[in-house]
PDB file of N, CA and C in Angstrom:
ATOM      1  N   UNK A   1       9.424  91.532 -95.916  1.00  0.00           N
ATOM      2  CA  UNK A   1      10.801  91.910 -96.097  1.00  0.00           C
ATOM      3  C   UNK A   1      11.632  91.518 -94.881  1.00  0.00           C
ATOM      4  N   UNK A   2      11.039  91.728 -93.660  1.00  0.00           N
ATOM      5  CA  UNK A   2      11.754  91.366 -92.442  1.00  0.00           C
ATOM      6  C   UNK A   2      11.982  89.858 -92.378  1.00  0.00           C
ATOM      7  N   UNK A   3      11.026  89.083 -92.834  1.00  0.00           N
ATOM      8  CA  UNK A   3      11.146  87.632 -92.825  1.00  0.00           C
ATOM      9  C   UNK A   3      12.284  87.189 -93.739  1.00  0.00           C
ATOM     10  N   UNK A   4      12.415  87.813 -94.896  1.00  0.00           N
ATOM     11  CA  UNK A   4      13.484  87.489 -95.828  1.00  0.00           C
ATOM     12  C   UNK A   4      14.849  87.847 -95.234  1.00  0.00           C
ATOM     13  N   UNK A   5      14.931  88.996 -94.573  1.00  0.00           N
ATOM     14  CA  UNK A   5      16.189  89.433 -93.953  1.00  0.00           C
ATOM     15  C   UNK A   5      16.583  88.478 -92.834  1.00  0.00           C
ATOM     16  N   UNK A   6      15.629  88.038 -92.032  1.00  0.00           N
ATOM     17  CA  UNK A   6      15.921  87.097 -90.950  1.00  0.00           C
ATOM     18  C   UNK A   6      16.366  85.756 -91.507  1.00  0.00           C
ATOM     19  N   UNK A   7      15.736  85.300 -92.590  1.00  0.00           N
ATOM     20  CA  UNK A   7      16.096  84.023 -93.204  1.00  0.00           C
ATOM     21  C   UNK A   7      17.511  84.078 -93.759  1.00  0.00           C
ATOM     22  N   UNK A   8      17.874  85.186 -94.402  1.00  0.00           N
ATOM     23  CA  UNK A   8      19.230  85.342 -94.956  1.00  0.00           C
ATOM     24  C   UNK A   8      20.252  85.403 -93.829  1.00  0.00           C
ATOM     25  N   UNK A   9      19.971  86.141 -92.771  1.00  0.00           N
ATOM     26  CA  UNK A   9      20.875  86.254 -91.629  1.00  0.00           C
ATOM     27  C   UNK A   9      21.052  84.894 -90.953  1.00  0.00           C
ATOM     28  N   UNK A  10      19.965  84.174 -90.767  1.00  0.00           N
ATOM     29  CA  UNK A  10      20.040  82.850 -90.142  1.00  0.00           C
ATOM     30  C   UNK A  10      20.857  81.888 -90.995  1.00  0.00           C
ATOM     31  N   UNK A  11      20.672  81.936 -92.309  1.00  0.00           N
ATOM     32  CA  UNK A  11      21.440  81.068 -93.207  1.00  0.00           C
ATOM     33  C   UNK A  11      22.933  81.391 -93.140  1.00  0.00           C
ATOM     34  N   UNK A  12      23.247  82.681 -93.076  1.00  0.00           N
ATOM     35  CA  UNK A  12      24.657  83.095 -92.996  1.00  0.00           C
ATOM     36  C   UNK A  12      25.288  82.618 -91.692  1.00  0.00           C
ATOM     37  N   UNK A  13      24.579  82.728 -90.590  1.00  0.00           N
ATOM     38  CA  UNK A  13      25.105  82.280 -89.296  1.00  0.00           C
ATOM     39  C   UNK A  13      25.312  80.770 -89.270  1.00  0.00           C
ATOM     40  N   UNK A  14      24.382  80.024 -89.826  1.00  0.00           N
ATOM     41  CA  UNK A  14      24.507  78.563 -89.878  1.00  0.00           C
ATOM     42  C   UNK A  14      25.700  78.171 -90.737  1.00  0.00           C
ATOM     43  N   UNK A  15      25.892  78.840 -91.863  1.00  0.00           N
ATOM     44  CA  UNK A  15      27.026  78.541 -92.747  1.00  0.00           C
ATOM     45  C   UNK A  15      28.343  78.860 -92.044  1.00  0.00           C
ATOM     46  N   UNK A  16      28.385  79.985 -91.324  1.00  0.00           N
ATOM     47  CA  UNK A  16      29.606  80.374 -90.602  1.00  0.00           C
ATOM     48  C   UNK A  16      29.901  79.372 -89.497  1.00  0.00           C
ATOM     49  N   UNK A  17      28.910  78.987 -88.735  1.00  0.00           N
ATOM     50  CA  UNK A  17      29.108  78.020 -87.647  1.00  0.00           C
ATOM     51  C   UNK A  17      29.534  76.663 -88.199  1.00  0.00           C
ATOM     52  N   UNK A  18      28.926  76.251 -89.300  1.00  0.00           N
ATOM     53  CA  UNK A  18      29.290  74.984 -89.917  1.00  0.00           C
ATOM     54  C   UNK A  18      30.717  74.998 -90.424  1.00  0.00           C
ATOM     55  N   UNK A  19      31.149  76.118 -90.975  1.00  0.00           N
ATOM     56  CA  UNK A  19      32.521  76.247 -91.468  1.00  0.00           C
ATOM     57  C   UNK A  19      33.537  76.166 -90.333  1.00  0.00           C
ATOM     58  N   UNK A  20      33.201  76.721 -89.205  1.00  0.00           N
ATOM     59  CA  UNK A  20      34.091  76.672 -88.044  1.00  0.00           C
ATOM     60  C   UNK A  20      34.219  75.250 -87.503  1.00  0.00           C
ATOM     61  N   UNK A  21      33.148  74.496 -87.583  1.00  0.00           N
ATOM     62  CA  UNK A  21      33.177  73.129 -87.067  1.00  0.00           C
ATOM     63  C   UNK A  21      34.129  72.242 -87.874  1.00  0.00           C
ATOM     64  N   UNK A  22      34.323  72.552 -89.156  1.00  0.00           N
ATOM     65  CA  UNK A  22      35.174  71.736 -90.002  1.00  0.00           C
ATOM     66  C   UNK A  22      36.569  72.334 -90.206  1.00  0.00           C
ATOM     67  N   UNK A  23      36.877  73.408 -89.494  1.00  0.00           N
ATOM     68  CA  UNK A  23      38.208  74.018 -89.622  1.00  0.00           C
ATOM     69  C   UNK A  23      39.263  73.057 -89.088  1.00  0.00           C
ATOM     70  N   UNK A  24      40.419  73.044 -89.731  1.00  0.00           N
ATOM     71  CA  UNK A  24      41.498  72.158 -89.295  1.00  0.00           C
ATOM     72  C   UNK A  24      42.147  72.711 -88.038  1.00  0.00           C
ATOM     73  N   UNK A  25      42.450  71.857 -87.073  1.00  0.00           N
ATOM     74  CA  UNK A  25      43.104  72.346 -85.858  1.00  0.00           C
ATOM     75  C   UNK A  25      44.552  72.742 -86.160  1.00  0.00           C
ATOM     76  N   UNK A  26      45.039  73.716 -85.436  1.00  0.00           N
ATOM     77  CA  UNK A  26      46.417  74.163 -85.582  1.00  0.00           C
ATOM     78  C   UNK A  26      47.255  73.421 -84.542  1.00  0.00           C
ATOM     79  N   UNK A  27      48.310  72.754 -84.999  1.00  0.00           N
ATOM     80  CA  UNK A  27      49.182  72.027 -84.094  1.00  0.00           C
ATOM     81  C   UNK A  27      50.406  72.876 -83.802  1.00  0.00           C
ATOM     82  N   UNK A  28      50.561  73.239 -82.564  1.00  0.00           N
ATOM     83  CA  UNK A  28      51.718  74.027 -82.157  1.00  0.00           C
ATOM     84  C   UNK A  28      52.736  73.062 -81.588  1.00  0.00           C
ATOM     85  N   UNK A  29      53.940  73.083 -82.186  1.00  0.00           N
ATOM     86  CA  UNK A  29      54.986  72.177 -81.731  1.00  0.00           C
ATOM     87  C   UNK A  29      55.722  72.821 -80.567  1.00  0.00           C
ATOM     88  N   UNK A  30      55.810  72.119 -79.468  1.00  0.00           N
ATOM     89  CA  UNK A  30      56.461  72.638 -78.279  1.00  0.00           C
ATOM     90  C   UNK A  30      57.971  72.664 -78.492  1.00  0.00           C
ATOM     91  N   UNK A  31      58.599  73.747 -78.065  1.00  0.00           N
ATOM     92  CA  UNK A  31      60.041  73.891 -78.191  1.00  0.00           C
ATOM     93  C   UNK A  31      60.717  73.274 -76.977  1.00  0.00           C
ATOM     94  N   UNK A  32      61.611  72.318 -77.234  1.00  0.00           N
ATOM     95  CA  UNK A  32      62.383  71.702 -76.154  1.00  0.00           C
ATOM     96  C   UNK A  32      63.486  72.670 -75.731  1.00  0.00           C
ATOM     97  N   UNK A  33      63.955  72.539 -74.499  1.00  0.00           N
ATOM     98  CA  UNK A  33      65.041  73.376 -73.993  1.00  0.00           C
ATOM     99  C   UNK A  33      66.207  72.488 -73.614  1.00  0.00           C
ATOM    100  N   UNK A  34      67.404  72.916 -73.980  1.00  0.00           N
ATOM    101  CA  UNK A  34      68.618  72.160 -73.700  1.00  0.00           C
ATOM    102  C   UNK A  34      69.697  73.150 -73.292  1.00  0.00           C
ATOM    103  N   UNK A  35      70.396  72.849 -72.204  1.00  0.00           N
ATOM    104  CA  UNK A  35      71.408  73.756 -71.671  1.00  0.00           C
ATOM    105  C   UNK A  35      72.792  73.131 -71.773  1.00  0.00           C
ATOM    106  N   UNK A  36      73.754  73.950 -72.186  1.00  0.00           N
ATOM    107  CA  UNK A  36      75.158  73.538 -72.195  1.00  0.00           C
ATOM    108  C   UNK A  36      75.831  74.266 -71.042  1.00  0.00           C
ATOM    109  N   UNK A  37      76.529  73.489 -70.198  1.00  0.00           N
ATOM    110  CA  UNK A  37      77.143  74.056 -69.003  1.00  0.00           C
ATOM    111  C   UNK A  37      78.637  73.752 -68.948  1.00  0.00           C
ATOM    112  N   UNK A  38      79.346  74.526 -68.135  1.00  0.00           N
ATOM    113  CA  UNK A  38      80.760  74.292 -67.875  1.00  0.00           C
ATOM    114  C   UNK A  38      80.871  73.251 -66.768  1.00  0.00           C
ATOM    115  N   UNK A  39      81.676  72.210 -67.020  1.00  0.00           N
ATOM    116  CA  UNK A  39      81.906  71.173 -66.016  1.00  0.00           C
ATOM    117  C   UNK A  39      83.181  70.434 -66.380  1.00  0.00           C
ATOM    118  N   UNK A  40      84.085  70.340 -65.422  1.00  0.00           N
ATOM    119  CA  UNK A  40      85.341  69.601 -65.673  1.00  0.00           C
ATOM    120  C   UNK A  40      85.193  68.163 -65.239  1.00  0.00           C
ATOM    121  N   UNK A  41      85.863  67.224 -65.847  1.00  0.00           N
ATOM    122  CA  UNK A  41      86.740  67.377 -67.010  1.00  0.00           C
ATOM    123  C   UNK A  41      85.924  67.477 -68.294  1.00  0.00           C
ATOM    124  N   UNK A  42      86.533  68.016 -69.301  1.00  0.00           N
ATOM    125  CA  UNK A  42      85.907  68.070 -70.620  1.00  0.00           C
ATOM    126  C   UNK A  42      85.349  69.417 -70.996  1.00  0.00           C
ATOM    127  N   UNK A  43      85.295  70.327 -70.056  1.00  0.00           N
ATOM    128  CA  UNK A  43      84.886  71.720 -70.262  1.00  0.00           C
ATOM    129  C   UNK A  43      83.378  71.890 -70.436  1.00  0.00           C
ATOM    130  N   UNK A  44      82.785  71.489 -71.535  1.00  0.00           N
ATOM    131  CA  UNK A  44      81.359  71.749 -71.737  1.00  0.00           C
ATOM    132  C   UNK A  44      80.582  70.447 -71.951  1.00  0.00           C
ATOM    133  N   UNK A  45      79.361  70.469 -71.419  1.00  0.00           N
ATOM    134  CA  UNK A  45      78.490  69.294 -71.402  1.00  0.00           C
ATOM    135  C   UNK A  45      77.045  69.731 -71.597  1.00  0.00           C
ATOM    136  N   UNK A  46      76.211  68.814 -72.070  1.00  0.00           N
ATOM    137  CA  UNK A  46      74.770  69.010 -72.002  1.00  0.00           C
ATOM    138  C   UNK A  46      74.353  68.684 -70.575  1.00  0.00           C
ATOM    139  N   UNK A  47      73.526  69.511 -69.985  1.00  0.00           N
ATOM    140  CA  UNK A  47      72.969  69.223 -68.668  1.00  0.00           C
ATOM    141  C   UNK A  47      71.543  68.714 -68.885  1.00  0.00           C
ATOM    142  N   UNK A  48      71.358  67.399 -68.657  1.00  0.00           N
ATOM    143  CA  UNK A  48      70.067  66.765 -68.904  1.00  0.00           C
ATOM    144  C   UNK A  48      69.635  66.035 -67.638  1.00  0.00           C
ATOM    145  N   UNK A  49      68.598  66.521 -67.011  1.00  0.00           N
ATOM    146  CA  UNK A  49      68.077  65.887 -65.800  1.00  0.00           C
ATOM    147  C   UNK A  49      69.106  65.791 -64.682  1.00  0.00           C
ATOM    148  N   UNK A  50      69.973  66.796 -64.562  1.00  0.00           N
ATOM    149  CA  UNK A  50      70.981  66.794 -63.510  1.00  0.00           C
ATOM    150  C   UNK A  50      72.209  65.956 -63.833  1.00  0.00           C
ATOM    151  N   UNK A  51      72.261  65.385 -65.027  1.00  0.00           N
ATOM    152  CA  UNK A  51      73.416  64.581 -65.443  1.00  0.00           C
ATOM    153  C   UNK A  51      74.124  65.290 -66.586  1.00  0.00           C
ATOM    154  N   UNK A  52      75.426  65.013 -66.729  1.00  0.00           N
ATOM    155  CA  UNK A  52      76.235  65.620 -67.772  1.00  0.00           C
ATOM    156  C   UNK A  52      76.456  64.615 -68.888  1.00  0.00           C
ATOM    157  N   UNK A  53      76.121  65.027 -70.118  1.00  0.00           N
ATOM    158  CA  UNK A  53      76.227  64.129 -71.270  1.00  0.00           C
ATOM    159  C   UNK A  53      76.890  64.857 -72.432  1.00  0.00           C
ATOM    160  N   UNK A  54      77.570  64.079 -73.303  1.00  0.00           N
ATOM    161  CA  UNK A  54      78.201  64.663 -74.484  1.00  0.00           C
ATOM    162  C   UNK A  54      77.359  64.467 -75.741  1.00  0.00           C
ATOM    163  N   UNK A  55      76.321  63.668 -75.658  1.00  0.00           N
ATOM    164  CA  UNK A  55      75.411  63.477 -76.793  1.00  0.00           C
ATOM    165  C   UNK A  55      73.978  63.676 -76.318  1.00  0.00           C
ATOM    166  N   UNK A  56      73.150  64.152 -77.225  1.00  0.00           N
ATOM    167  CA  UNK A  56      71.735  64.333 -76.901  1.00  0.00           C
ATOM    168  C   UNK A  56      70.917  64.161 -78.171  1.00  0.00           C
ATOM    169  N   UNK A  57      69.720  63.636 -77.997  1.00  0.00           N
ATOM    170  CA  UNK A  57      68.764  63.494 -79.080  1.00  0.00           C
ATOM    171  C   UNK A  57      67.443  64.071 -78.589  1.00  0.00           C
ATOM    172  N   UNK A  58      66.922  65.049 -79.330  1.00  0.00           N
ATOM    173  CA  UNK A  58      65.752  65.796 -78.874  1.00  0.00           C
ATOM    174  C   UNK A  58      64.751  65.907 -80.016  1.00  0.00           C
ATOM    175  N   UNK A  59      63.467  65.828 -79.679  1.00  0.00           N
ATOM    176  CA  UNK A  59      62.419  66.118 -80.659  1.00  0.00           C
ATOM    177  C   UNK A  59      62.335  67.632 -80.761  1.00  0.00           C
ATOM    178  N   UNK A  60      62.470  68.145 -81.958  1.00  0.00           N
ATOM    179  CA  UNK A  60      62.637  69.579 -82.149  1.00  0.00           C
ATOM    180  C   UNK A  60      61.352  70.322 -82.391  1.00  0.00           C
ATOM    181  N   UNK A  61      61.480  71.611 -82.506  1.00  0.00           N
ATOM    182  CA  UNK A  61      62.705  72.384 -82.434  1.00  0.00           C
ATOM    183  C   UNK A  61      63.236  72.453 -81.003  1.00  0.00           C
ATOM    184  N   UNK A  62      64.494  72.884 -80.861  1.00  0.00           N
ATOM    185  CA  UNK A  62      65.119  72.958 -79.545  1.00  0.00           C
ATOM    186  C   UNK A  62      65.761  74.328 -79.363  1.00  0.00           C
ATOM    187  N   UNK A  63      65.598  74.867 -78.153  1.00  0.00           N
ATOM    188  CA  UNK A  63      66.232  76.128 -77.801  1.00  0.00           C
ATOM    189  C   UNK A  63      67.466  75.792 -76.969  1.00  0.00           C
ATOM    190  N   UNK A  64      68.635  76.059 -77.534  1.00  0.00           N
ATOM    191  CA  UNK A  64      69.919  75.727 -76.923  1.00  0.00           C
ATOM    192  C   UNK A  64      70.421  76.950 -76.161  1.00  0.00           C
ATOM    193  N   UNK A  65      70.768  76.780 -74.871  1.00  0.00           N
ATOM    194  CA  UNK A  65      71.253  77.875 -74.039  1.00  0.00           C
ATOM    195  C   UNK A  65      72.700  77.618 -73.642  1.00  0.00           C
ATOM    196  N   UNK A  66      73.548  78.644 -73.756  1.00  0.00           N
ATOM    197  CA  UNK A  66      74.967  78.531 -73.443  1.00  0.00           C
ATOM    198  C   UNK A  66      75.252  79.073 -72.049  1.00  0.00           C
ATOM    199  N   UNK A  67      75.598  78.168 -71.108  1.00  0.00           N
ATOM    200  CA  UNK A  67      76.040  78.550 -69.771  1.00  0.00           C
ATOM    201  C   UNK A  67      77.473  78.072 -69.565  1.00  0.00           C
ATOM    202  N   UNK A  68      78.234  78.003 -70.661  1.00  0.00           N
ATOM    203  CA  UNK A  68      79.642  77.609 -70.614  1.00  0.00           C
ATOM    204  C   UNK A  68      80.465  78.853 -70.308  1.00  0.00           C
ATOM    205  N   UNK A  69      81.780  78.753 -70.428  1.00  0.00           N
ATOM    206  CA  UNK A  69      82.649  79.881 -70.105  1.00  0.00           C
ATOM    207  C   UNK A  69      83.046  80.711 -71.321  1.00  0.00           C
ATOM    208  N   UNK A  70      82.690  80.288 -72.525  1.00  0.00           N
ATOM    209  CA  UNK A  70      83.024  81.023 -73.742  1.00  0.00           C
ATOM    210  C   UNK A  70      81.961  80.777 -74.807  1.00  0.00           C
ATOM    211  N   UNK A  71      82.093  81.491 -75.909  1.00  0.00           N
ATOM    212  CA  UNK A  71      81.179  81.343 -77.043  1.00  0.00           C
ATOM    213  C   UNK A  71      81.289  79.934 -77.619  1.00  0.00           C
ATOM    214  N   UNK A  72      80.148  79.383 -78.016  1.00  0.00           N
ATOM    215  CA  UNK A  72      80.103  78.045 -78.607  1.00  0.00           C
ATOM    216  C   UNK A  72      79.839  78.138 -80.109  1.00  0.00           C
ATOM    217  N   UNK A  73      80.469  77.241 -80.878  1.00  0.00           N
ATOM    218  CA  UNK A  73      80.220  77.117 -82.312  1.00  0.00           C
ATOM    219  C   UNK A  73      79.315  75.917 -82.532  1.00  0.00           C
ATOM    220  N   UNK A  74      78.234  76.135 -83.240  1.00  0.00           N
ATOM    221  CA  UNK A  74      77.290  75.076 -83.562  1.00  0.00           C
ATOM    222  C   UNK A  74      77.379  74.823 -85.069  1.00  0.00           C
ATOM    223  N   UNK A  75      77.923  73.667 -85.442  1.00  0.00           N
ATOM    224  CA  UNK A  75      78.075  73.306 -86.854  1.00  0.00           C
ATOM    225  C   UNK A  75      76.967  72.343 -87.236  1.00  0.00           C
ATOM    226  N   UNK A  76      76.246  72.712 -88.267  1.00  0.00           N
ATOM    227  CA  UNK A  76      75.146  71.862 -88.713  1.00  0.00           C
ATOM    228  C   UNK A  76      75.048  71.873 -90.211  1.00  0.00           C
ATOM    229  N   UNK A  77      73.917  71.542 -90.714  1.00  0.00           N
ATOM    230  CA  UNK A  77      73.632  71.385 -92.132  1.00  0.00           C
ATOM    231  C   UNK A  77      74.130  72.599 -92.931  1.00  0.00           C
ATOM    232  N   UNK A  78      75.402  72.583 -93.322  1.00  0.00           N
ATOM    233  CA  UNK A  78      75.968  73.624 -94.169  1.00  0.00           C
ATOM    234  C   UNK A  78      76.123  74.986 -93.531  1.00  0.00           C
ATOM    235  N   UNK A  79      76.026  75.108 -92.227  1.00  0.00           N
ATOM    236  CA  UNK A  79      76.142  76.412 -91.573  1.00  0.00           C
ATOM    237  C   UNK A  79      76.835  76.279 -90.223  1.00  0.00           C
ATOM    238  N   UNK A  80      77.488  77.343 -89.823  1.00  0.00           N
ATOM    239  CA  UNK A  80      78.102  77.416 -88.499  1.00  0.00           C
ATOM    240  C   UNK A  80      77.544  78.672 -87.828  1.00  0.00           C
ATOM    241  N   UNK A  81      76.972  78.489 -86.645  1.00  0.00           N
ATOM    242  CA  UNK A  81      76.422  79.615 -85.885  1.00  0.00           C
ATOM    243  C   UNK A  81      77.128  79.667 -84.549  1.00  0.00           C
ATOM    244  N   UNK A  82      77.156  80.841 -83.945  1.00  0.00           N
ATOM    245  CA  UNK A  82      77.806  81.018 -82.641  1.00  0.00           C
ATOM    246  C   UNK A  82      76.780  81.448 -81.606  1.00  0.00           C
ATOM    247  N   UNK A  83      76.979  80.928 -80.383  1.00  0.00           N
ATOM    248  CA  UNK A  83      76.116  81.307 -79.255  1.00  0.00           C
ATOM    249  C   UNK A  83      77.006  81.923 -78.178  1.00  0.00           C
ATOM    250  N   UNK A  84      76.913  83.222 -77.942  1.00  0.00           N
ATOM    251  CA  UNK A  84      77.673  83.830 -76.850  1.00  0.00           C
ATOM    252  C   UNK A  84      77.187  83.317 -75.488  1.00  0.00           C
ATOM    253  N   UNK A  85      78.006  83.479 -74.480  1.00  0.00           N
ATOM    254  CA  UNK A  85      77.653  83.045 -73.119  1.00  0.00           C
ATOM    255  C   UNK A  85      76.372  83.748 -72.676  1.00  0.00           C
ATOM    256  N   UNK A  86      75.444  82.953 -72.127  1.00  0.00           N
ATOM    257  CA  UNK A  86      74.189  83.493 -71.615  1.00  0.00           C
ATOM    258  C   UNK A  86      73.109  83.677 -72.671  1.00  0.00           C
ATOM    259  N   UNK A  87      73.407  83.385 -73.917  1.00  0.00           N
ATOM    260  CA  UNK A  87      72.441  83.568 -75.005  1.00  0.00           C
ATOM    261  C   UNK A  87      71.862  82.231 -75.451  1.00  0.00           C
ATOM    262  N   UNK A  88      70.838  82.310 -76.314  1.00  0.00           N
ATOM    263  CA  UNK A  88      70.148  81.115 -76.792  1.00  0.00           C
ATOM    264  C   UNK A  88      70.150  81.077 -78.310  1.00  0.00           C
ATOM    265  N   UNK A  89      69.979  79.878 -78.854  1.00  0.00           N
ATOM    266  CA  UNK A  89      69.882  79.661 -80.292  1.00  0.00           C
ATOM    267  C   UNK A  89      68.798  78.627 -80.540  1.00  0.00           C
ATOM    268  N   UNK A  90      67.890  78.913 -81.463  1.00  0.00           N
ATOM    269  CA  UNK A  90      66.822  77.979 -81.810  1.00  0.00           C
ATOM    270  C   UNK A  90      67.292  77.122 -82.978  1.00  0.00           C
ATOM    271  N   UNK A  91      67.236  75.803 -82.803  1.00  0.00           N
ATOM    272  CA  UNK A  91      67.697  74.864 -83.828  1.00  0.00           C
ATOM    273  C   UNK A  91      66.539  73.990 -84.302  1.00  0.00           C
ATOM    274  N   UNK A  92      66.506  73.746 -85.606  1.00  0.00           N
ATOM    275  CA  UNK A  92      65.514  72.864 -86.202  1.00  0.00           C
ATOM    276  C   UNK A  92      66.094  71.475 -86.407  1.00  0.00           C
ATOM    277  N   UNK A  93      65.399  70.686 -87.176  1.00  0.00           N
ATOM    278  CA  UNK A  93      65.798  69.304 -87.443  1.00  0.00           C
ATOM    279  C   UNK A  93      67.188  69.243 -88.066  1.00  0.00           C
ATOM    280  N   UNK A  94      68.010  68.300 -87.572  1.00  0.00           N
ATOM    281  CA  UNK A  94      69.339  68.104 -88.136  1.00  0.00           C
ATOM    282  C   UNK A  94      70.309  67.497 -87.137  1.00  0.00           C
ATOM    283  N   UNK A  95      71.553  67.320 -87.594  1.00  0.00           N
ATOM    284  CA  UNK A  95      72.635  66.810 -86.751  1.00  0.00           C
ATOM    285  C   UNK A  95      73.626  67.944 -86.552  1.00  0.00           C
ATOM    286  N   UNK A  96      74.041  68.173 -85.307  1.00  0.00           N
ATOM    287  CA  UNK A  96      74.900  69.294 -84.974  1.00  0.00           C
ATOM    288  C   UNK A  96      76.094  68.826 -84.149  1.00  0.00           C
ATOM    289  N   UNK A  97      77.239  69.499 -84.353  1.00  0.00           N
ATOM    290  CA  UNK A  97      78.420  69.296 -83.531  1.00  0.00           C
ATOM    291  C   UNK A  97      78.716  70.634 -82.871  1.00  0.00           C
ATOM    292  N   UNK A  98      78.907  70.607 -81.554  1.00  0.00           N
ATOM    293  CA  UNK A  98      79.082  71.842 -80.794  1.00  0.00           C
ATOM    294  C   UNK A  98      80.453  71.835 -80.137  1.00  0.00           C
ATOM    295  N   UNK A  99      81.219  72.883 -80.416  1.00  0.00           N
ATOM    296  CA  UNK A  99      82.550  73.052 -79.833  1.00  0.00           C
ATOM    297  C   UNK A  99      82.662  74.475 -79.311  1.00  0.00           C
ATOM    298  N   UNK A 100      83.667  74.717 -78.489  1.00  0.00           N
ATOM    299  CA  UNK A 100      83.896  76.044 -77.947  1.00  0.00           C
ATOM    300  C   UNK A 100      84.889  76.780 -78.842  1.00  0.00           C
ATOM    301  N   UNK A 101      84.713  78.086 -78.989  1.00  0.00           N
ATOM    302  CA  UNK A 101      85.656  78.900 -79.750  1.00  0.00           C
ATOM    303  C   UNK A 101      87.012  78.834 -79.043  1.00  0.00           C
ATOM    304  N   UNK A 102      88.082  78.506 -79.782  1.00  0.00           N
ATOM    305  CA  UNK A 102      89.419  78.396 -79.193  1.00  0.00           C
ATOM    306  C   UNK A 102      89.565  77.183 -78.288  1.00  0.00           C
ATOM    307  N   UNK A 103      88.844  76.146 -78.574  1.00  0.00           N
ATOM    308  CA  UNK A 103      88.775  74.962 -77.722  1.00  0.00           C
ATOM    309  C   UNK A 103      90.089  74.197 -77.686  1.00  0.00           C
ATOM    310  N   UNK A 104      90.441  73.703 -76.499  1.00  0.00           N
ATOM    311  CA  UNK A 104      91.609  72.836 -76.341  1.00  0.00           C
ATOM    312  C   UNK A 104      91.309  71.484 -76.983  1.00  0.00           C
ATOM    313  N   UNK A 105      92.338  70.794 -77.485  1.00  0.00           N
ATOM    314  CA  UNK A 105      92.110  69.520 -78.181  1.00  0.00           C
ATOM    315  C   UNK A 105      91.459  68.439 -77.321  1.00  0.00           C
ATOM    316  N   UNK A 106      91.630  68.500 -75.995  1.00  0.00           N
ATOM    317  CA  UNK A 106      91.063  67.459 -75.140  1.00  0.00           C
ATOM    318  C   UNK A 106      89.666  67.797 -74.612  1.00  0.00           C
ATOM    319  N   UNK A 107      89.090  68.929 -75.036  1.00  0.00           N
ATOM    320  CA  UNK A 107      87.735  69.293 -74.613  1.00  0.00           C
ATOM    321  C   UNK A 107      86.702  68.488 -75.398  1.00  0.00           C
ATOM    322  N   UNK A 108      85.509  68.390 -74.831  1.00  0.00           N
ATOM    323  CA  UNK A 108      84.424  67.631 -75.437  1.00  0.00           C
ATOM    324  C   UNK A 108      83.936  68.244 -76.744  1.00  0.00           C
ATOM    325  N   UNK A 109      83.565  67.382 -77.673  1.00  0.00           N
ATOM    326  CA  UNK A 109      82.834  67.754 -78.873  1.00  0.00           C
ATOM    327  C   UNK A 109      81.431  67.211 -78.674  1.00  0.00           C
ATOM    328  N   UNK A 110      80.470  68.124 -78.449  1.00  0.00           N
ATOM    329  CA  UNK A 110      79.094  67.693 -78.178  1.00  0.00           C
ATOM    330  C   UNK A 110      78.389  67.361 -79.481  1.00  0.00           C
ATOM    331  N   UNK A 111      77.574  66.328 -79.446  1.00  0.00           N
ATOM    332  CA  UNK A 111      76.798  65.910 -80.624  1.00  0.00           C
ATOM    333  C   UNK A 111      75.307  65.987 -80.281  1.00  0.00           C
ATOM    334  N   UNK A 112      74.560  66.684 -81.133  1.00  0.00           N
ATOM    335  CA  UNK A 112      73.139  66.883 -80.909  1.00  0.00           C
ATOM    336  C   UNK A 112      72.370  66.461 -82.151  1.00  0.00           C
ATOM    337  N   UNK A 113      71.329  65.647 -81.959  1.00  0.00           N
ATOM    338  CA  UNK A 113      70.419  65.263 -83.029  1.00  0.00           C
ATOM    339  C   UNK A 113      69.042  65.823 -82.697  1.00  0.00           C
ATOM    340  N   UNK A 114      68.510  66.624 -83.616  1.00  0.00           N
ATOM    341  CA  UNK A 114      67.171  67.176 -83.445  1.00  0.00           C
ATOM    342  C   UNK A 114      66.281  66.541 -84.502  1.00  0.00           C
ATOM    343  N   UNK A 115      65.238  65.861 -84.045  1.00  0.00           N
ATOM    344  CA  UNK A 115      64.355  65.175 -84.995  1.00  0.00           C
ATOM    345  C   UNK A 115      63.001  65.842 -85.058  1.00  0.00           C
TER     346      UNK A 115
END
């Protein structure tokens, strides 16, 4: 009886170990970070590598942080979201236009592509 129990236990362990060997790996997609800052002229800019840009293209998802002087409006695929100063917004794949709430006509319109 003990021999049968050991054989069954050994078979179960081998099956479990074999199943683990063929399990599919989980791919975790790293979240990119992008900061919007206040800088004149133009009011708000993407800060990328110490340079100020009005367009950006990022492999997503991306965590957008607002370090501007007012709330930002993020217009994308059928939705408009707002990011208050000092807060973050997670964005998925799409094309976005970012403006400041109550923005002057000569301020920058930021364009972001998340792929």
